[in-house]
Amino acid sequence: MSKALDDAIEHLTTTYQSLAQAAAGYLETLDPKEINARMAKAKPDTAEYVALEHLAALMRSPKPTPEPAPAAPAAPAESAE
């Protein structure tokens, strides 16, 4: 497992910060597949598992995307009289 994930788990299991806030700082640096693999090996009643749950939940959150610009109104069709 990566040092980055080990460091993130260490931080989340020892911080006095909100876990969600602390976990959000790792979104760009961790691999979701690695988090899921580590979670599969962790025991559910441990601090490590709780930290991994927070990381996994944030990784599954959809990233905000800008809304597309509204389409221009279609020109009125001319009648063939």
PDB file of N, CA and C in Angstrom:
ATOM      1  N   MET A   1       0.844  -1.172   0.000  1.00  0.00           N
ATOM      2  CA  MET A   1       0.000   0.000   0.000  1.00  0.00           C
ATOM      3  C   MET A   1       0.897   1.247   0.000  1.00  0.00           C
ATOM      4  N   SER A   2       0.308   2.339  -0.437  1.00  0.00           N
ATOM      5  CA  SER A   2       1.113   3.548  -0.613  1.00  0.00           C
ATOM      6  C   SER A   2       1.346   4.299   0.689  1.00  0.00           C
ATOM      7  N   LYS A   3       2.428   5.023   0.695  1.00  0.00           N
ATOM      8  CA  LYS A   3       2.764   5.860   1.844  1.00  0.00           C
ATOM      9  C   LYS A   3       1.719   6.961   2.004  1.00  0.00           C
ATOM     10  N   ALA A   4       1.199   7.470   0.881  1.00  0.00           N
ATOM     11  CA  ALA A   4       0.196   8.532   0.942  1.00  0.00           C
ATOM     12  C   ALA A   4      -1.062   8.056   1.672  1.00  0.00           C
ATOM     13  N   LEU A   5      -1.497   6.827   1.387  1.00  0.00           N
ATOM     14  CA  LEU A   5      -2.683   6.298   2.062  1.00  0.00           C
ATOM     15  C   LEU A   5      -2.378   6.028   3.531  1.00  0.00           C
ATOM     16  N   ASP A   6      -1.201   5.505   3.825  1.00  0.00           N
ATOM     17  CA  ASP A   6      -0.809   5.299   5.226  1.00  0.00           C
ATOM     18  C   ASP A   6      -0.825   6.614   5.990  1.00  0.00           C
ATOM     19  N   ASP A   7      -0.283   7.675   5.370  1.00  0.00           N
ATOM     20  CA  ASP A   7      -0.256   8.993   6.013  1.00  0.00           C
ATOM     21  C   ASP A   7      -1.668   9.540   6.225  1.00  0.00           C
ATOM     22  N   ALA A   8      -2.535   9.342   5.239  1.00  0.00           N
ATOM     23  CA  ALA A   8      -3.912   9.820   5.358  1.00  0.00           C
ATOM     24  C   ALA A   8      -4.629   9.109   6.504  1.00  0.00           C
ATOM     25  N   ILE A   9      -4.459   7.801   6.592  1.00  0.00           N
ATOM     26  CA  ILE A   9      -5.098   7.033   7.672  1.00  0.00           C
ATOM     27  C   ILE A   9      -4.551   7.474   9.025  1.00  0.00           C
ATOM     28  N   GLU A  10      -3.254   7.662   9.108  1.00  0.00           N
ATOM     29  CA  GLU A  10      -2.636   8.133  10.358  1.00  0.00           C
ATOM     30  C   GLU A  10      -3.231   9.481  10.765  1.00  0.00           C
ATOM     31  N   HIS A  11      -3.343  10.392   9.808  1.00  0.00           N
ATOM     32  CA  HIS A  11      -3.901  11.712  10.097  1.00  0.00           C
ATOM     33  C   HIS A  11      -5.356  11.605  10.556  1.00  0.00           C
ATOM     34  N   LEU A  12      -6.158  10.826   9.840  1.00  0.00           N
ATOM     35  CA  LEU A  12      -7.582  10.716  10.172  1.00  0.00           C
ATOM     36  C   LEU A  12      -7.822  10.016  11.505  1.00  0.00           C
ATOM     37  N   THR A  13      -6.937   9.129  11.888  1.00  0.00           N
ATOM     38  CA  THR A  13      -7.143   8.410  13.150  1.00  0.00           C
ATOM     39  C   THR A  13      -6.578   9.149  14.358  1.00  0.00           C
ATOM     40  N   THR A  14      -5.875  10.253  14.121  1.00  0.00           N
ATOM     41  CA  THR A  14      -5.303  10.991  15.245  1.00  0.00           C
ATOM     42  C   THR A  14      -5.737  12.453  15.298  1.00  0.00           C
ATOM     43  N   THR A  15      -6.537  12.898  14.342  1.00  0.00           N
ATOM     44  CA  THR A  15      -6.896  14.312  14.279  1.00  0.00           C
ATOM     45  C   THR A  15      -8.048  14.659  15.219  1.00  0.00           C
ATOM     46  N   TYR A  16      -8.096  15.918  15.574  1.00  0.00           N
ATOM     47  CA  TYR A  16      -9.239  16.446  16.324  1.00  0.00           C
ATOM     48  C   TYR A  16     -10.165  17.207  15.383  1.00  0.00           C
ATOM     49  N   GLN A  17      -9.783  17.278  14.113  1.00  0.00           N
ATOM     50  CA  GLN A  17     -10.588  17.912  13.078  1.00  0.00           C
ATOM     51  C   GLN A  17     -11.800  17.053  12.765  1.00  0.00           C
ATOM     52  N   SER A  18     -12.745  17.636  12.061  1.00  0.00           N
ATOM     53  CA  SER A  18     -13.845  16.853  11.506  1.00  0.00           C
ATOM     54  C   SER A  18     -13.234  15.837  10.542  1.00  0.00           C
ATOM     55  N   LEU A  19     -13.690  14.582  10.615  1.00  0.00           N
ATOM     56  CA  LEU A  19     -13.136  13.564   9.717  1.00  0.00           C
ATOM     57  C   LEU A  19     -13.432  13.890   8.257  1.00  0.00           C
ATOM     58  N   ALA A  20     -14.619  14.391   7.992  1.00  0.00           N
ATOM     59  CA  ALA A  20     -14.972  14.740   6.616  1.00  0.00           C
ATOM     60  C   ALA A  20     -14.061  15.841   6.089  1.00  0.00           C
ATOM     61  N   GLN A  21     -13.799  16.830   6.920  1.00  0.00           N
ATOM     62  CA  GLN A  21     -12.937  17.939   6.513  1.00  0.00           C
ATOM     63  C   GLN A  21     -11.500  17.457   6.315  1.00  0.00           C
ATOM     64  N   ALA A  22     -11.019  16.647   7.219  1.00  0.00           N
ATOM     65  CA  ALA A  22      -9.653  16.127   7.104  1.00  0.00           C
ATOM     66  C   ALA A  22      -9.523  15.224   5.879  1.00  0.00           C
ATOM     67  N   ALA A  23     -10.518  14.389   5.635  1.00  0.00           N
ATOM     68  CA  ALA A  23     -10.475  13.467   4.494  1.00  0.00           C
ATOM     69  C   ALA A  23     -10.523  14.222   3.179  1.00  0.00           C
ATOM     70  N   ALA A  24     -11.247  15.327   3.137  1.00  0.00           N
ATOM     71  CA  ALA A  24     -11.373  16.106   1.900  1.00  0.00           C
ATOM     72  C   ALA A  24     -10.015  16.591   1.394  1.00  0.00           C
ATOM     73  N   GLY A  25      -9.069  16.764   2.282  1.00  0.00           N
ATOM     74  CA  GLY A  25      -7.741  17.209   1.875  1.00  0.00           C
ATOM     75  C   GLY A  25      -6.968  16.169   1.081  1.00  0.00           C
ATOM     76  N   TYR A  26      -7.457  14.954   1.039  1.00  0.00           N
ATOM     77  CA  TYR A  26      -6.741  13.873   0.355  1.00  0.00           C
ATOM     78  C   TYR A  26      -7.385  13.472  -0.972  1.00  0.00           C
ATOM     79  N   LEU A  27      -8.435  14.151  -1.380  1.00  0.00           N
ATOM     80  CA  LEU A  27      -9.175  13.748  -2.577  1.00  0.00           C
ATOM     81  C   LEU A  27      -8.317  13.699  -3.837  1.00  0.00           C
ATOM     82  N   GLU A  28      -7.417  14.624  -3.988  1.00  0.00           N
ATOM     83  CA  GLU A  28      -6.617  14.700  -5.212  1.00  0.00           C
ATOM     84  C   GLU A  28      -5.398  13.787  -5.189  1.00  0.00           C
ATOM     85  N   THR A  29      -5.051  13.257  -4.029  1.00  0.00           N
ATOM     86  CA  THR A  29      -3.789  12.517  -3.930  1.00  0.00           C
ATOM     87  C   THR A  29      -3.940  11.017  -3.759  1.00  0.00           C
ATOM     88  N   LEU A  30      -5.145  10.534  -3.495  1.00  0.00           N
ATOM     89  CA  LEU A  30      -5.331   9.108  -3.240  1.00  0.00           C
ATOM     90  C   LEU A  30      -6.085   8.412  -4.368  1.00  0.00           C
ATOM     91  N   ASP A  31      -5.823   7.134  -4.510  1.00  0.00           N
ATOM     92  CA  ASP A  31      -6.452   6.313  -5.539  1.00  0.00           C
ATOM     93  C   ASP A  31      -7.652   5.573  -4.933  1.00  0.00           C
ATOM     94  N   PRO A  32      -8.855   5.790  -5.480  1.00  0.00           N
ATOM     95  CA  PRO A  32     -10.047   5.117  -4.946  1.00  0.00           C
ATOM     96  C   PRO A  32      -9.930   3.590  -4.941  1.00  0.00           C
ATOM     97  N   LYS A  33      -9.275   3.021  -5.940  1.00  0.00           N
ATOM     98  CA  LYS A  33      -9.120   1.560  -5.995  1.00  0.00           C
ATOM     99  C   LYS A  33      -8.267   1.076  -4.834  1.00  0.00           C
ATOM    100  N   GLU A  34      -7.247   1.833  -4.488  1.00  0.00           N
ATOM    101  CA  GLU A  34      -6.385   1.453  -3.365  1.00  0.00           C
ATOM    102  C   GLU A  34      -7.155   1.546  -2.045  1.00  0.00           C
ATOM    103  N   ILE A  35      -7.976   2.574  -1.919  1.00  0.00           N
ATOM    104  CA  ILE A  35      -8.788   2.726  -0.707  1.00  0.00           C
ATOM    105  C   ILE A  35      -9.731   1.541  -0.566  1.00  0.00           C
ATOM    106  N   ASN A  36     -10.402   1.172  -1.663  1.00  0.00           N
ATOM    107  CA  ASN A  36     -11.333   0.032  -1.619  1.00  0.00           C
ATOM    108  C   ASN A  36     -10.614  -1.271  -1.301  1.00  0.00           C
ATOM    109  N   ALA A  37      -9.431  -1.473  -1.858  1.00  0.00           N
ATOM    110  CA  ALA A  37      -8.664  -2.695  -1.586  1.00  0.00           C
ATOM    111  C   ALA A  37      -8.261  -2.757  -0.115  1.00  0.00           C
ATOM    112  N   ARG A  38      -7.851  -1.627   0.424  1.00  0.00           N
ATOM    113  CA  ARG A  38      -7.444  -1.578   1.834  1.00  0.00           C
ATOM    114  C   ARG A  38      -8.640  -1.779   2.752  1.00  0.00           C
ATOM    115  N   MET A  39      -9.789  -1.225   2.346  1.00  0.00           N
ATOM    116  CA  MET A  39     -11.007  -1.382   3.145  1.00  0.00           C
ATOM    117  C   MET A  39     -11.432  -2.835   3.207  1.00  0.00           C
ATOM    118  N   ALA A  40     -11.245  -3.556   2.117  1.00  0.00           N
ATOM    119  CA  ALA A  40     -11.621  -4.972   2.074  1.00  0.00           C
ATOM    120  C   ALA A  40     -10.803  -5.794   3.067  1.00  0.00           C
ATOM    121  N   LYS A  41      -9.596  -5.343   3.382  1.00  0.00           N
ATOM    122  CA  LYS A  41      -8.715  -6.068   4.303  1.00  0.00           C
ATOM    123  C   LYS A  41      -8.859  -5.606   5.753  1.00  0.00           C
ATOM    124  N   ALA A  42      -9.417  -4.407   5.957  1.00  0.00           N
ATOM    125  CA  ALA A  42      -9.514  -3.839   7.306  1.00  0.00           C
ATOM    126  C   ALA A  42     -10.688  -4.448   8.068  1.00  0.00           C
ATOM    127  N   LYS A  43     -10.534  -4.546   9.378  1.00  0.00           N
ATOM    128  CA  LYS A  43     -11.623  -5.032  10.232  1.00  0.00           C
ATOM    129  C   LYS A  43     -12.609  -3.883  10.458  1.00  0.00           C
ATOM    130  N   PRO A  44     -13.923  -4.161  10.324  1.00  0.00           N
ATOM    131  CA  PRO A  44     -14.935  -3.106  10.414  1.00  0.00           C
ATOM    132  C   PRO A  44     -14.969  -2.325  11.727  1.00  0.00           C
ATOM    133  N   ASP A  45     -14.527  -2.891  12.815  1.00  0.00           N
ATOM    134  CA  ASP A  45     -14.622  -2.190  14.098  1.00  0.00           C
ATOM    135  C   ASP A  45     -13.325  -1.491  14.486  1.00  0.00           C
ATOM    136  N   THR A  46     -12.545  -1.042  13.499  1.00  0.00           N
ATOM    137  CA  THR A  46     -11.266  -0.382  13.799  1.00  0.00           C
ATOM    138  C   THR A  46     -11.285   1.067  13.335  1.00  0.00           C
ATOM    139  N   ALA A  47     -10.387   1.853  13.901  1.00  0.00           N
ATOM    140  CA  ALA A  47     -10.236   3.250  13.502  1.00  0.00           C
ATOM    141  C   ALA A  47      -9.799   3.340  12.043  1.00  0.00           C
ATOM    142  N   GLU A  48      -8.965   2.406  11.610  1.00  0.00           N
ATOM    143  CA  GLU A  48      -8.513   2.390  10.215  1.00  0.00           C
ATOM    144  C   GLU A  48      -9.719   2.265   9.274  1.00  0.00           C
ATOM    145  N   TYR A  49     -10.643   1.382   9.596  1.00  0.00           N
ATOM    146  CA  TYR A  49     -11.812   1.167   8.756  1.00  0.00           C
ATOM    147  C   TYR A  49     -12.676   2.428   8.693  1.00  0.00           C
ATOM    148  N   VAL A  50     -12.859   3.081   9.817  1.00  0.00           N
ATOM    149  CA  VAL A  50     -13.662   4.312   9.856  1.00  0.00           C
ATOM    150  C   VAL A  50     -13.006   5.384   8.985  1.00  0.00           C
ATOM    151  N   ALA A  51     -11.693   5.517   9.081  1.00  0.00           N
ATOM    152  CA  ALA A  51     -10.970   6.486   8.249  1.00  0.00           C
ATOM    153  C   ALA A  51     -11.146   6.150   6.771  1.00  0.00           C
ATOM    154  N   LEU A  52     -11.019   4.883   6.438  1.00  0.00           N
ATOM    155  CA  LEU A  52     -11.177   4.453   5.048  1.00  0.00           C
ATOM    156  C   LEU A  52     -12.598   4.692   4.550  1.00  0.00           C
ATOM    157  N   GLU A  53     -13.581   4.496   5.427  1.00  0.00           N
ATOM    158  CA  GLU A  53     -14.977   4.763   5.058  1.00  0.00           C
ATOM    159  C   GLU A  53     -15.173   6.222   4.668  1.00  0.00           C
ATOM    160  N   HIS A  54     -14.585   7.121   5.446  1.00  0.00           N
ATOM    161  CA  HIS A  54     -14.702   8.548   5.137  1.00  0.00           C
ATOM    162  C   HIS A  54     -14.029   8.875   3.809  1.00  0.00           C
ATOM    163  N   LEU A  55     -12.863   8.314   3.594  1.00  0.00           N
ATOM    164  CA  LEU A  55     -12.170   8.556   2.332  1.00  0.00           C
ATOM    165  C   LEU A  55     -12.970   7.998   1.157  1.00  0.00           C
ATOM    166  N   ALA A  56     -13.478   6.786   1.302  1.00  0.00           N
ATOM    167  CA  ALA A  56     -14.244   6.151   0.227  1.00  0.00           C
ATOM    168  C   ALA A  56     -15.526   6.932  -0.068  1.00  0.00           C
ATOM    169  N   ALA A  57     -16.193   7.407   0.959  1.00  0.00           N
ATOM    170  CA  ALA A  57     -17.433   8.158   0.762  1.00  0.00           C
ATOM    171  C   ALA A  57     -17.172   9.435  -0.028  1.00  0.00           C
ATOM    172  N   LEU A  58     -16.082  10.104   0.265  1.00  0.00           N
ATOM    173  CA  LEU A  58     -15.765  11.325  -0.467  1.00  0.00           C
ATOM    174  C   LEU A  58     -15.346  11.032  -1.899  1.00  0.00           C
ATOM    175  N   MET A  59     -14.684   9.921  -2.107  1.00  0.00           N
ATOM    176  CA  MET A  59     -14.252   9.563  -3.456  1.00  0.00           C
ATOM    177  C   MET A  59     -15.454   9.221  -4.342  1.00  0.00           C
ATOM    178  N   ARG A  60     -16.515   8.685  -3.736  1.00  0.00           N
ATOM    179  CA  ARG A  60     -17.714   8.339  -4.500  1.00  0.00           C
ATOM    180  C   ARG A  60     -18.592   9.550  -4.774  1.00  0.00           C
ATOM    181  N   SER A  61     -18.368  10.628  -4.030  1.00  0.00           N
ATOM    182  CA  SER A  61     -19.178  11.818  -4.227  1.00  0.00           C
ATOM    183  C   SER A  61     -18.939  12.375  -5.623  1.00  0.00           C
ATOM    184  N   PRO A  62     -20.000  12.722  -6.323  1.00  0.00           N
ATOM    185  CA  PRO A  62     -19.792  13.290  -7.649  1.00  0.00           C
ATOM    186  C   PRO A  62     -19.123  14.647  -7.546  1.00  0.00           C
ATOM    187  N   LYS A  63     -18.195  14.877  -8.425  1.00  0.00           N
ATOM    188  CA  LYS A  63     -17.522  16.171  -8.444  1.00  0.00           C
ATOM    189  C   LYS A  63     -18.441  17.163  -9.146  1.00  0.00           C
ATOM    190  N   PRO A  64     -18.526  18.377  -8.619  1.00  0.00           N
ATOM    191  CA  PRO A  64     -19.422  19.352  -9.256  1.00  0.00           C
ATOM    192  C   PRO A  64     -18.955  19.666 -10.675  1.00  0.00           C
ATOM    193  N   THR A  65     -19.903  19.733 -11.561  1.00  0.00           N
ATOM    194  CA  THR A  65     -19.592  20.096 -12.944  1.00  0.00           C
ATOM    195  C   THR A  65     -20.385  21.334 -13.299  1.00  0.00           C
ATOM    196  N   PRO A  66     -19.799  22.196 -14.096  1.00  0.00           N
ATOM    197  CA  PRO A  66     -20.541  23.403 -14.458  1.00  0.00           C
ATOM    198  C   PRO A  66     -21.771  23.049 -15.287  1.00  0.00           C
ATOM    199  N   GLU A  67     -22.828  23.799 -15.068  1.00  0.00           N
ATOM    200  CA  GLU A  67     -24.044  23.553 -15.830  1.00  0.00           C
ATOM    201  C   GLU A  67     -23.845  24.061 -17.247  1.00  0.00           C
ATOM    202  N   PRO A  68     -24.362  23.327 -18.240  1.00  0.00           N
ATOM    203  CA  PRO A  68     -24.215  23.798 -19.624  1.00  0.00           C
ATOM    204  C   PRO A  68     -25.016  25.072 -19.841  1.00  0.00           C
ATOM    205  N   ALA A  69     -24.537  25.895 -20.752  1.00  0.00           N
ATOM    206  CA  ALA A  69     -25.241  27.140 -21.072  1.00  0.00           C
ATOM    207  C   ALA A  69     -26.569  26.802 -21.727  1.00  0.00           C
ATOM    208  N   PRO A  70     -27.594  27.592 -21.468  1.00  0.00           N
ATOM    209  CA  PRO A  70     -28.882  27.301 -22.087  1.00  0.00           C
ATOM    210  C   PRO A  70     -28.772  27.417 -23.609  1.00  0.00           C
ATOM    211  N   ALA A  71     -29.485  26.555 -24.289  1.00  0.00           N
ATOM    212  CA  ALA A  71     -29.475  26.563 -25.753  1.00  0.00           C
ATOM    213  C   ALA A  71     -30.213  27.794 -26.258  1.00  0.00           C
ATOM    214  N   ALA A  72     -29.740  28.328 -27.361  1.00  0.00           N
ATOM    215  CA  ALA A  72     -30.406  29.492 -27.961  1.00  0.00           C
ATOM    216  C   ALA A  72     -31.766  29.055 -28.495  1.00  0.00           C
ATOM    217  N   PRO A  73     -32.757  29.899 -28.387  1.00  0.00           N
ATOM    218  CA  PRO A  73     -34.082  29.520 -28.903  1.00  0.00           C
ATOM    219  C   PRO A  73     -34.014  29.309 -30.409  1.00  0.00           C
ATOM    220  N   ALA A  74     -34.744  28.341 -30.871  1.00  0.00           N
ATOM    221  CA  ALA A  74     -34.767  28.029 -32.304  1.00  0.00           C
ATOM    222  C   ALA A  74     -35.505  29.142 -33.052  1.00  0.00           C
ATOM    223  N   ALA A  75     -35.030  29.425 -34.241  1.00  0.00           N
ATOM    224  CA  ALA A  75     -35.679  30.441 -35.068  1.00  0.00           C
ATOM    225  C   ALA A  75     -37.047  29.901 -35.523  1.00  0.00           C
ATOM    226  N   PRO A  76     -38.041  30.767 -35.594  1.00  0.00           N
ATOM    227  CA  PRO A  76     -39.363  30.290 -36.029  1.00  0.00           C
ATOM    228  C   PRO A  76     -39.292  29.754 -37.466  1.00  0.00           C
ATOM    229  N   ALA A  77     -39.963  28.668 -37.695  1.00  0.00           N
ATOM    230  CA  ALA A  77     -39.972  28.058 -39.026  1.00  0.00           C
ATOM    231  C   ALA A  77     -40.847  28.891 -39.947  1.00  0.00           C
ATOM    232  N   GLU A  78     -40.378  29.080 -41.160  1.00  0.00           N
ATOM    233  CA  GLU A  78     -41.169  29.850 -42.131  1.00  0.00           C
ATOM    234  C   GLU A  78     -42.171  28.924 -42.778  1.00  0.00           C
ATOM    235  N   SER A  79     -43.368  29.394 -42.987  1.00  0.00           N
ATOM    236  CA  SER A  79     -44.384  28.568 -43.610  1.00  0.00           C
ATOM    237  C   SER A  79     -44.260  28.658 -45.133  1.00  0.00           C
ATOM    238  N   ALA A  80     -44.500  27.565 -45.789  1.00  0.00           N
ATOM    239  CA  ALA A  80     -44.415  27.507 -47.250  1.00  0.00           C
ATOM    240  C   ALA A  80     -45.802  27.757 -47.824  1.00  0.00           C
ATOM    241  N   GLU A  81     -46.145  29.029 -48.027  1.00  0.00           N
ATOM    242  CA  GLU A  81     -47.473  29.358 -48.541  1.00  0.00           C
ATOM    243  C   GLU A  81     -47.463  29.518 -50.013  1.00  0.00           C
TER     244      GLU A  81
END
